[in-house]
Amino acid sequence: MRNSTVKAKKHLGQHFLTDKNICQKIANQFSGHRGCNTVLEIGPGMGALTEFLLEREDSDVHVMEIDRDSIQYLKDHFSALDDKIYDSDFLRTKLETIFEDKPFAVVGNFPYNISSQIMFKCLDYRNQIPEIMGMFQKEVAQRFAEKPGSKQYGVISVLMQAYYDIEYCFTVDEHVFNPPPKVKSGVIRCTRNEREFLPCNEKLFSQVVKSTFGQRRKTIRNSVKSILKGDGFEHEFLTLRPERLSVDDFVELTLAIENHNKQFIEE
């Protein structure tokens, strides 16, 4: 007997979309960047978004879910998914076992409690994921898309924008979910930019970004001290706070620190 519905589970952060117009609107944000029509939807639940992704021409939709009730529901109601339903935790899955080295997009109504972790995982596969499109807690979605100069601009803004162009698409109200969350949601679209690699040490870049925003009330001069080898480092950005720096500025700062440390070691 087919399950007619699935009860949302609080420990999984489930909030099921119930408004089909909103589901259609979200699905429409997927652009197929770089011609990629292979889609991995994370946490599809009862397939509210899946339904409209499957309607897209040439779409190759895969879904990943850890809730057994939802998995059974999807099997019962979406025969088109066939063998493309994965009972797996996205954060722990080696995605190359599914897609090998082929490109795939990541979409979903992401659980709020792990949404940032999902994005960091996507960054690990950034050269295989040309597009990320999905719904987050509104404040988190805004943080991904925020530009320099804002209090919302932070570590995740810089690290994501280093590799993706990010557009805040629209806000979703609480009442279109069951159960309704206590906050509004925001939909964003991230499309891979032309930076295959950064022109600096990427590990050091990440360290500089995290160190400066970890002490965002201090000037950069004070927050990079732990990264520098020796004294005498000077740069025009040292008197600024991190929220003033763009991705390119952080690249420039990282290169300067890299060169300084190299010279100090050589001496």
C-alpha atoms as a PDB file:
ATOM      1  CA  MET A   1       0.000   0.000   0.000  1.00  0.00           C
ATOM      2  CA  ARG A   2       1.345   3.406  -0.940  1.00  0.00           C
ATOM      3  CA  ASN A   3       2.107   5.948   1.768  1.00  0.00           C
ATOM      4  CA  SER A   4      -0.198   8.928   1.313  1.00  0.00           C
ATOM      5  CA  THR A   5       2.019  11.269   3.299  1.00  0.00           C
ATOM      6  CA  VAL A   6       5.179  11.446   5.380  1.00  0.00           C
ATOM      7  CA  LYS A   7       5.323  12.997   8.818  1.00  0.00           C
ATOM      8  CA  ALA A   8       8.030  15.663   9.129  1.00  0.00           C
ATOM      9  CA  LYS A   9      10.769  14.677  11.580  1.00  0.00           C
ATOM     10  CA  LYS A  10      12.159  17.441  13.754  1.00  0.00           C
ATOM     11  CA  HIS A  11      15.565  15.800  14.254  1.00  0.00           C
ATOM     12  CA  LEU A  12      16.066  15.817  10.473  1.00  0.00           C
ATOM     13  CA  GLY A  13      15.065  19.486  10.199  1.00  0.00           C
ATOM     14  CA  GLN A  14      12.236  18.602   7.801  1.00  0.00           C
ATOM     15  CA  HIS A  15       9.820  21.298   6.662  1.00  0.00           C
ATOM     16  CA  PHE A  16       7.853  20.064   3.643  1.00  0.00           C
ATOM     17  CA  LEU A  17       6.884  22.557   0.947  1.00  0.00           C
ATOM     18  CA  THR A  18       3.135  22.526   0.324  1.00  0.00           C
ATOM     19  CA  ASP A  19       2.634  25.332  -2.222  1.00  0.00           C
ATOM     20  CA  LYS A  20       3.041  24.011  -5.773  1.00  0.00           C
ATOM     21  CA  ASN A  21       3.411  27.516  -7.216  1.00  0.00           C
ATOM     22  CA  ILE A  22       6.416  28.127  -4.971  1.00  0.00           C
ATOM     23  CA  CYS A  23       7.852  24.726  -5.900  1.00  0.00           C
ATOM     24  CA  GLN A  24       7.517  25.593  -9.590  1.00  0.00           C
ATOM     25  CA  LYS A  25       9.085  29.000  -8.989  1.00  0.00           C
ATOM     26  CA  ILE A  26      12.058  27.426  -7.217  1.00  0.00           C
ATOM     27  CA  ALA A  27      12.543  24.810  -9.940  1.00  0.00           C
ATOM     28  CA  ASN A  28      12.521  27.596 -12.530  1.00  0.00           C
ATOM     29  CA  GLN A  29      15.612  29.118 -10.929  1.00  0.00           C
ATOM     30  CA  PHE A  30      17.727  26.188 -12.067  1.00  0.00           C
ATOM     31  CA  SER A  31      19.512  27.449 -15.162  1.00  0.00           C
ATOM     32  CA  GLY A  32      21.434  24.406 -16.385  1.00  0.00           C
ATOM     33  CA  HIS A  33      24.668  26.425 -16.186  1.00  0.00           C
ATOM     34  CA  ARG A  34      27.327  25.255 -18.640  1.00  0.00           C
ATOM     35  CA  GLY A  35      24.778  22.927 -20.199  1.00  0.00           C
ATOM     36  CA  CYS A  36      24.563  20.690 -17.144  1.00  0.00           C
ATOM     37  CA  ASN A  37      21.159  19.004 -16.841  1.00  0.00           C
ATOM     38  CA  THR A  38      22.217  16.285 -14.414  1.00  0.00           C
ATOM     39  CA  VAL A  39      20.736  17.213 -11.048  1.00  0.00           C
ATOM     40  CA  LEU A  40      21.250  15.868  -7.552  1.00  0.00           C
ATOM     41  CA  GLU A  41      18.443  16.966  -5.260  1.00  0.00           C
ATOM     42  CA  ILE A  42      19.300  16.757  -1.572  1.00  0.00           C
ATOM     43  CA  GLY A  43      16.539  15.981   0.916  1.00  0.00           C
ATOM     44  CA  PRO A  44      13.592  15.750  -1.507  1.00  0.00           C
ATOM     45  CA  GLY A  45      11.138  14.608   1.168  1.00  0.00           C
ATOM     46  CA  MET A  46       7.868  13.881  -0.607  1.00  0.00           C
ATOM     47  CA  GLY A  47       9.107  15.249  -3.922  1.00  0.00           C
ATOM     48  CA  ALA A  48       7.418  18.656  -3.936  1.00  0.00           C
ATOM     49  CA  LEU A  49      10.376  20.155  -5.835  1.00  0.00           C
ATOM     50  CA  THR A  50      11.305  16.882  -7.546  1.00  0.00           C
ATOM     51  CA  GLU A  51       8.025  16.872  -9.452  1.00  0.00           C
ATOM     52  CA  PHE A  52       8.913  20.079 -11.292  1.00  0.00           C
ATOM     53  CA  LEU A  53      12.568  19.190 -11.819  1.00  0.00           C
ATOM     54  CA  LEU A  54      11.416  16.026 -13.579  1.00  0.00           C
ATOM     55  CA  GLU A  55       9.262  18.099 -15.943  1.00  0.00           C
ATOM     56  CA  ARG A  56      12.311  19.855 -17.363  1.00  0.00           C
ATOM     57  CA  GLU A  57      13.367  18.693 -20.816  1.00  0.00           C
ATOM     58  CA  ASP A  58      16.456  16.469 -20.906  1.00  0.00           C
ATOM     59  CA  SER A  59      16.645  16.508 -17.106  1.00  0.00           C
ATOM     60  CA  ASP A  60      18.497  13.663 -15.418  1.00  0.00           C
ATOM     61  CA  VAL A  61      17.291  13.904 -11.826  1.00  0.00           C
ATOM     62  CA  HIS A  62      18.878  12.015  -8.949  1.00  0.00           C
ATOM     63  CA  VAL A  63      17.771  12.369  -5.334  1.00  0.00           C
ATOM     64  CA  MET A  64      19.540  11.725  -2.027  1.00  0.00           C
ATOM     65  CA  GLU A  65      17.545  11.197   1.157  1.00  0.00           C
ATOM     66  CA  ILE A  66      18.229   9.722   4.617  1.00  0.00           C
ATOM     67  CA  ASP A  67      14.616   9.484   5.810  1.00  0.00           C
ATOM     68  CA  ARG A  68      13.383   5.959   5.111  1.00  0.00           C
ATOM     69  CA  ASP A  69       9.717   7.030   5.041  1.00  0.00           C
ATOM     70  CA  SER A  70      10.484   9.656   2.402  1.00  0.00           C
ATOM     71  CA  ILE A  71      12.511   7.166   0.378  1.00  0.00           C
ATOM     72  CA  GLN A  72       9.588   4.757   0.294  1.00  0.00           C
ATOM     73  CA  TYR A  73       7.221   7.570  -0.651  1.00  0.00           C
ATOM     74  CA  LEU A  74       9.474   8.583  -3.560  1.00  0.00           C
ATOM     75  CA  LYS A  75       9.683   4.996  -4.771  1.00  0.00           C
ATOM     76  CA  ASP A  76       5.900   4.693  -4.631  1.00  0.00           C
ATOM     77  CA  HIS A  77       5.088   7.992  -6.342  1.00  0.00           C
ATOM     78  CA  PHE A  78       7.988   8.762  -8.723  1.00  0.00           C
ATOM     79  CA  SER A  79       8.640   5.816 -11.015  1.00  0.00           C
ATOM     80  CA  ALA A  80      10.678   8.129 -13.253  1.00  0.00           C
ATOM     81  CA  LEU A  81      13.415   8.175 -10.623  1.00  0.00           C
ATOM     82  CA  ASP A  82      13.812   4.405 -10.960  1.00  0.00           C
ATOM     83  CA  ASP A  83      17.285   3.561  -9.590  1.00  0.00           C
ATOM     84  CA  LYS A  84      18.284   7.192  -8.954  1.00  0.00           C
ATOM     85  CA  ILE A  85      17.121   7.356  -5.333  1.00  0.00           C
ATOM     86  CA  TYR A  86      20.077   7.181  -2.950  1.00  0.00           C
ATOM     87  CA  ASP A  87      19.639   6.241   0.691  1.00  0.00           C
ATOM     88  CA  SER A  88      22.680   8.190   1.786  1.00  0.00           C
ATOM     89  CA  ASP A  89      23.970  11.130   3.825  1.00  0.00           C
ATOM     90  CA  PHE A  90      25.204  13.790   1.409  1.00  0.00           C
ATOM     91  CA  LEU A  91      27.869  15.028   3.815  1.00  0.00           C
ATOM     92  CA  ARG A  92      29.393  11.541   4.079  1.00  0.00           C
ATOM     93  CA  THR A  93      28.974  10.400   0.496  1.00  0.00           C
ATOM     94  CA  LYS A  94      31.830  10.199  -1.989  1.00  0.00           C
ATOM     95  CA  LEU A  95      29.982  11.771  -4.888  1.00  0.00           C
ATOM     96  CA  GLU A  96      32.392  10.372  -7.467  1.00  0.00           C
ATOM     97  CA  THR A  97      30.935   6.915  -6.725  1.00  0.00           C
ATOM     98  CA  ILE A  98      27.686   8.184  -8.267  1.00  0.00           C
ATOM     99  CA  PHE A  99      28.777  10.627 -10.958  1.00  0.00           C
ATOM    100  CA  GLU A 100      32.401   9.559 -11.539  1.00  0.00           C
ATOM    101  CA  ASP A 101      34.080  12.647 -13.015  1.00  0.00           C
ATOM    102  CA  LYS A 102      30.968  13.976 -14.789  1.00  0.00           C
ATOM    103  CA  PRO A 103      29.418  17.361 -13.916  1.00  0.00           C
ATOM    104  CA  PHE A 104      26.235  17.561 -11.843  1.00  0.00           C
ATOM    105  CA  ALA A 105      24.221  20.345 -10.241  1.00  0.00           C
ATOM    106  CA  VAL A 106      23.106  20.349  -6.609  1.00  0.00           C
ATOM    107  CA  VAL A 107      19.622  21.582  -5.727  1.00  0.00           C
ATOM    108  CA  GLY A 108      17.248  21.312  -2.804  1.00  0.00           C
ATOM    109  CA  ASN A 109      15.243  22.675   0.052  1.00  0.00           C
ATOM    110  CA  PHE A 110      18.242  22.240   2.315  1.00  0.00           C
ATOM    111  CA  PRO A 111      17.855  21.403   6.020  1.00  0.00           C
ATOM    112  CA  TYR A 112      18.729  24.603   7.870  1.00  0.00           C
ATOM    113  CA  ASN A 113      20.925  22.857  10.427  1.00  0.00           C
ATOM    114  CA  ILE A 114      23.409  21.540   7.851  1.00  0.00           C
ATOM    115  CA  SER A 115      23.011  24.017   4.976  1.00  0.00           C
ATOM    116  CA  SER A 116      26.446  25.627   5.428  1.00  0.00           C
ATOM    117  CA  GLN A 117      28.067  22.188   5.636  1.00  0.00           C
ATOM    118  CA  ILE A 118      26.358  21.270   2.377  1.00  0.00           C
ATOM    119  CA  MET A 119      27.865  24.328   0.714  1.00  0.00           C
ATOM    120  CA  PHE A 120      31.344  23.553   2.033  1.00  0.00           C
ATOM    121  CA  LYS A 121      30.986  20.018   0.649  1.00  0.00           C
ATOM    122  CA  CYS A 122      30.001  21.499  -2.719  1.00  0.00           C
ATOM    123  CA  LEU A 123      33.126  23.645  -2.605  1.00  0.00           C
ATOM    124  CA  ASP A 124      35.197  20.461  -2.337  1.00  0.00           C
ATOM    125  CA  TYR A 125      33.614  19.362  -5.651  1.00  0.00           C
ATOM    126  CA  ARG A 126      33.491  22.850  -7.171  1.00  0.00           C
ATOM    127  CA  ASN A 127      35.122  21.842 -10.459  1.00  0.00           C
ATOM    128  CA  GLN A 128      32.450  19.169 -10.915  1.00  0.00           C
ATOM    129  CA  ILE A 129      29.446  21.209  -9.709  1.00  0.00           C
ATOM    130  CA  PRO A 130      28.675  24.054 -12.141  1.00  0.00           C
ATOM    131  CA  GLU A 131      25.526  25.133 -10.304  1.00  0.00           C
ATOM    132  CA  ILE A 132      24.016  25.076  -6.827  1.00  0.00           C
ATOM    133  CA  MET A 133      20.417  26.203  -6.489  1.00  0.00           C
ATOM    134  CA  GLY A 134      18.359  25.937  -3.386  1.00  0.00           C
ATOM    135  CA  MET A 135      16.541  27.261  -0.377  1.00  0.00           C
ATOM    136  CA  PHE A 136      18.115  28.198   2.931  1.00  0.00           C
ATOM    137  CA  GLN A 137      17.179  30.143   6.026  1.00  0.00           C
ATOM    138  CA  LYS A 138      16.842  33.695   4.683  1.00  0.00           C
ATOM    139  CA  GLU A 139      19.708  35.167   6.700  1.00  0.00           C
ATOM    140  CA  VAL A 140      22.030  32.362   5.580  1.00  0.00           C
ATOM    141  CA  ALA A 141      21.019  32.759   1.927  1.00  0.00           C
ATOM    142  CA  GLN A 142      21.696  36.494   2.166  1.00  0.00           C
ATOM    143  CA  ARG A 143      25.092  35.827   3.719  1.00  0.00           C
ATOM    144  CA  PHE A 144      26.144  33.673   0.764  1.00  0.00           C
ATOM    145  CA  ALA A 145      25.185  36.414  -1.703  1.00  0.00           C
ATOM    146  CA  GLU A 146      26.232  39.463   0.338  1.00  0.00           C
ATOM    147  CA  LYS A 147      28.757  41.942  -1.051  1.00  0.00           C
ATOM    148  CA  PRO A 148      31.686  43.585   0.781  1.00  0.00           C
ATOM    149  CA  GLY A 149      30.848  46.319   3.268  1.00  0.00           C
ATOM    150  CA  SER A 150      27.946  44.566   4.981  1.00  0.00           C
ATOM    151  CA  LYS A 151      27.801  43.000   8.439  1.00  0.00           C
ATOM    152  CA  GLN A 152      26.302  39.919   6.762  1.00  0.00           C
ATOM    153  CA  TYR A 153      29.420  39.526   4.610  1.00  0.00           C
ATOM    154  CA  GLY A 154      31.681  36.895   6.146  1.00  0.00           C
ATOM    155  CA  VAL A 155      33.762  33.739   5.719  1.00  0.00           C
ATOM    156  CA  ILE A 156      31.192  31.770   3.729  1.00  0.00           C
ATOM    157  CA  SER A 157      30.504  34.806   1.512  1.00  0.00           C
ATOM    158  CA  VAL A 158      34.156  35.074   0.466  1.00  0.00           C
ATOM    159  CA  LEU A 159      34.862  31.356   0.108  1.00  0.00           C
ATOM    160  CA  MET A 160      31.746  30.752  -1.987  1.00  0.00           C
ATOM    161  CA  GLN A 161      32.130  33.877  -4.103  1.00  0.00           C
ATOM    162  CA  ALA A 162      35.719  32.955  -4.861  1.00  0.00           C
ATOM    163  CA  TYR A 163      34.355  30.214  -7.124  1.00  0.00           C
ATOM    164  CA  TYR A 164      30.679  31.030  -7.726  1.00  0.00           C
ATOM    165  CA  ASP A 165      28.595  33.977  -8.876  1.00  0.00           C
ATOM    166  CA  ILE A 166      25.719  34.101  -6.409  1.00  0.00           C
ATOM    167  CA  GLU A 167      22.282  35.595  -6.937  1.00  0.00           C
ATOM    168  CA  TYR A 168      19.626  35.988  -4.244  1.00  0.00           C
ATOM    169  CA  CYS A 169      16.455  35.056  -6.136  1.00  0.00           C
ATOM    170  CA  PHE A 170      13.508  35.578  -3.775  1.00  0.00           C
ATOM    171  CA  THR A 171      12.162  35.158  -0.247  1.00  0.00           C
ATOM    172  CA  VAL A 172       9.755  32.380   0.791  1.00  0.00           C
ATOM    173  CA  ASP A 173       7.279  32.902   3.640  1.00  0.00           C
ATOM    174  CA  GLU A 174       6.799  30.495   6.513  1.00  0.00           C
ATOM    175  CA  HIS A 175       3.205  29.489   5.733  1.00  0.00           C
ATOM    176  CA  VAL A 176       4.050  27.451   2.612  1.00  0.00           C
ATOM    177  CA  PHE A 177       5.680  24.728   4.741  1.00  0.00           C
ATOM    178  CA  ASN A 178       4.369  21.925   6.907  1.00  0.00           C
ATOM    179  CA  PRO A 179       5.276  22.368   9.677  1.00  0.00           C
ATOM    180  CA  PRO A 180       6.029  26.081   9.177  1.00  0.00           C
ATOM    181  CA  PRO A 181       9.535  27.110  10.270  1.00  0.00           C
ATOM    182  CA  LYS A 182       9.989  30.032  12.646  1.00  0.00           C
ATOM    183  CA  VAL A 183      11.959  32.007  10.059  1.00  0.00           C
ATOM    184  CA  LYS A 184      11.625  33.053   6.429  1.00  0.00           C
ATOM    185  CA  SER A 185      13.571  31.259   3.727  1.00  0.00           C
ATOM    186  CA  GLY A 186      15.578  32.536   0.800  1.00  0.00           C
ATOM    187  CA  VAL A 187      16.352  30.968  -2.581  1.00  0.00           C
ATOM    188  CA  ILE A 188      19.753  31.508  -4.182  1.00  0.00           C
ATOM    189  CA  ARG A 189      21.440  30.385  -7.379  1.00  0.00           C
ATOM    190  CA  CYS A 190      25.209  29.863  -7.495  1.00  0.00           C
ATOM    191  CA  THR A 191      26.854  29.462 -10.894  1.00  0.00           C
ATOM    192  CA  ARG A 192      30.501  28.479 -11.289  1.00  0.00           C
ATOM    193  CA  ASN A 193      32.714  31.360 -12.345  1.00  0.00           C
ATOM    194  CA  GLU A 194      35.824  31.187 -14.516  1.00  0.00           C
ATOM    195  CA  ARG A 195      38.299  30.693 -11.646  1.00  0.00           C
ATOM    196  CA  GLU A 196      39.406  27.088 -11.967  1.00  0.00           C
ATOM    197  CA  PHE A 197      41.999  27.824  -9.314  1.00  0.00           C
ATOM    198  CA  LEU A 198      42.905  30.908  -7.319  1.00  0.00           C
ATOM    199  CA  PRO A 199      46.196  32.580  -8.282  1.00  0.00           C
ATOM    200  CA  CYS A 200      47.455  32.063  -4.733  1.00  0.00           C
ATOM    201  CA  ASN A 201      47.866  29.263  -2.228  1.00  0.00           C
ATOM    202  CA  GLU A 202      44.233  28.212  -1.730  1.00  0.00           C
ATOM    203  CA  LYS A 203      44.840  26.709   1.712  1.00  0.00           C
ATOM    204  CA  LEU A 204      46.480  29.934   2.873  1.00  0.00           C
ATOM    205  CA  PHE A 205      43.664  31.955   1.280  1.00  0.00           C
ATOM    206  CA  SER A 206      41.121  30.053   3.355  1.00  0.00           C
ATOM    207  CA  GLN A 207      43.265  30.527   6.469  1.00  0.00           C
ATOM    208  CA  VAL A 208      43.528  34.290   5.886  1.00  0.00           C
ATOM    209  CA  VAL A 209      39.768  34.635   5.355  1.00  0.00           C
ATOM    210  CA  LYS A 210      38.900  32.603   8.445  1.00  0.00           C
ATOM    211  CA  SER A 211      41.489  34.326  10.644  1.00  0.00           C
ATOM    212  CA  THR A 212      40.419  37.840   9.733  1.00  0.00           C
ATOM    213  CA  PHE A 213      36.696  37.230  10.098  1.00  0.00           C
ATOM    214  CA  GLY A 214      37.364  35.311  13.305  1.00  0.00           C
ATOM    215  CA  GLN A 215      38.406  38.697  14.711  1.00  0.00           C
ATOM    216  CA  ARG A 216      36.268  40.896  12.507  1.00  0.00           C
ATOM    217  CA  ARG A 217      36.188  43.774  14.999  1.00  0.00           C
ATOM    218  CA  LYS A 218      39.945  44.071  14.764  1.00  0.00           C
ATOM    219  CA  THR A 219      41.897  45.481  11.875  1.00  0.00           C
ATOM    220  CA  ILE A 220      43.534  43.006   9.531  1.00  0.00           C
ATOM    221  CA  ARG A 221      46.947  43.950  10.929  1.00  0.00           C
ATOM    222  CA  ASN A 222      46.014  42.343  14.252  1.00  0.00           C
ATOM    223  CA  SER A 223      44.136  39.341  12.900  1.00  0.00           C
ATOM    224  CA  VAL A 224      46.875  38.058  10.550  1.00  0.00           C
ATOM    225  CA  LYS A 225      49.692  38.139  13.109  1.00  0.00           C
ATOM    226  CA  SER A 226      49.379  34.405  13.789  1.00  0.00           C
ATOM    227  CA  ILE A 227      49.814  33.650  10.081  1.00  0.00           C
ATOM    228  CA  LEU A 228      52.871  35.822   9.488  1.00  0.00           C
ATOM    229  CA  LYS A 229      56.397  34.548   9.884  1.00  0.00           C
ATOM    230  CA  GLY A 230      58.573  37.252  11.371  1.00  0.00           C
ATOM    231  CA  ASP A 231      58.052  41.010  11.476  1.00  0.00           C
ATOM    232  CA  GLY A 232      58.027  43.764   8.921  1.00  0.00           C
ATOM    233  CA  PHE A 233      54.955  42.858   6.895  1.00  0.00           C
ATOM    234  CA  GLU A 234      53.187  45.907   5.467  1.00  0.00           C
ATOM    235  CA  HIS A 235      50.195  46.210   3.171  1.00  0.00           C
ATOM    236  CA  GLU A 236      47.564  48.847   2.452  1.00  0.00           C
ATOM    237  CA  PHE A 237      44.779  46.510   3.669  1.00  0.00           C
ATOM    238  CA  LEU A 238      46.188  46.155   7.184  1.00  0.00           C
ATOM    239  CA  THR A 239      44.283  49.160   8.522  1.00  0.00           C
ATOM    240  CA  LEU A 240      40.950  47.836   7.245  1.00  0.00           C
ATOM    241  CA  ARG A 241      38.476  45.357   8.696  1.00  0.00           C
ATOM    242  CA  PRO A 242      37.791  42.153   6.733  1.00  0.00           C
ATOM    243  CA  GLU A 243      34.262  43.045   5.591  1.00  0.00           C
ATOM    244  CA  ARG A 244      35.779  45.793   3.413  1.00  0.00           C
ATOM    245  CA  LEU A 245      37.754  43.317   1.275  1.00  0.00           C
ATOM    246  CA  SER A 246      36.466  41.677  -1.909  1.00  0.00           C
ATOM    247  CA  VAL A 247      37.524  38.204  -3.070  1.00  0.00           C
ATOM    248  CA  ASP A 248      40.191  39.779  -5.287  1.00  0.00           C
ATOM    249  CA  ASP A 249      41.433  41.818  -2.327  1.00  0.00           C
ATOM    250  CA  PHE A 250      41.770  38.672  -0.234  1.00  0.00           C
ATOM    251  CA  VAL A 251      43.683  37.028  -3.089  1.00  0.00           C
ATOM    252  CA  GLU A 252      46.031  40.034  -3.197  1.00  0.00           C
ATOM    253  CA  LEU A 253      46.510  39.940   0.579  1.00  0.00           C
ATOM    254  CA  THR A 254      47.162  36.193   0.520  1.00  0.00           C
ATOM    255  CA  LEU A 255      49.785  36.581  -2.211  1.00  0.00           C
ATOM    256  CA  ALA A 256      51.500  39.324  -0.190  1.00  0.00           C
ATOM    257  CA  ILE A 257      51.559  37.153   2.955  1.00  0.00           C
ATOM    258  CA  GLU A 258      52.754  34.181   0.916  1.00  0.00           C
ATOM    259  CA  ASN A 259      55.655  36.194  -0.528  1.00  0.00           C
ATOM    260  CA  HIS A 260      56.530  37.658   2.876  1.00  0.00           C
ATOM    261  CA  ASN A 261      56.626  34.241   4.540  1.00  0.00           C
ATOM    262  CA  LYS A 262      58.678  32.788   1.693  1.00  0.00           C
ATOM    263  CA  GLN A 263      61.259  35.567   1.984  1.00  0.00           C
ATOM    264  CA  PHE A 264      61.441  35.138   5.754  1.00  0.00           C
ATOM    265  CA  ILE A 265      62.048  31.372   5.409  1.00  0.00           C
ATOM    266  CA  GLU A 266      64.708  31.919   2.741  1.00  0.00           C
ATOM    267  CA  GLU A 267      66.509  34.413   4.950  1.00  0.00           C
END
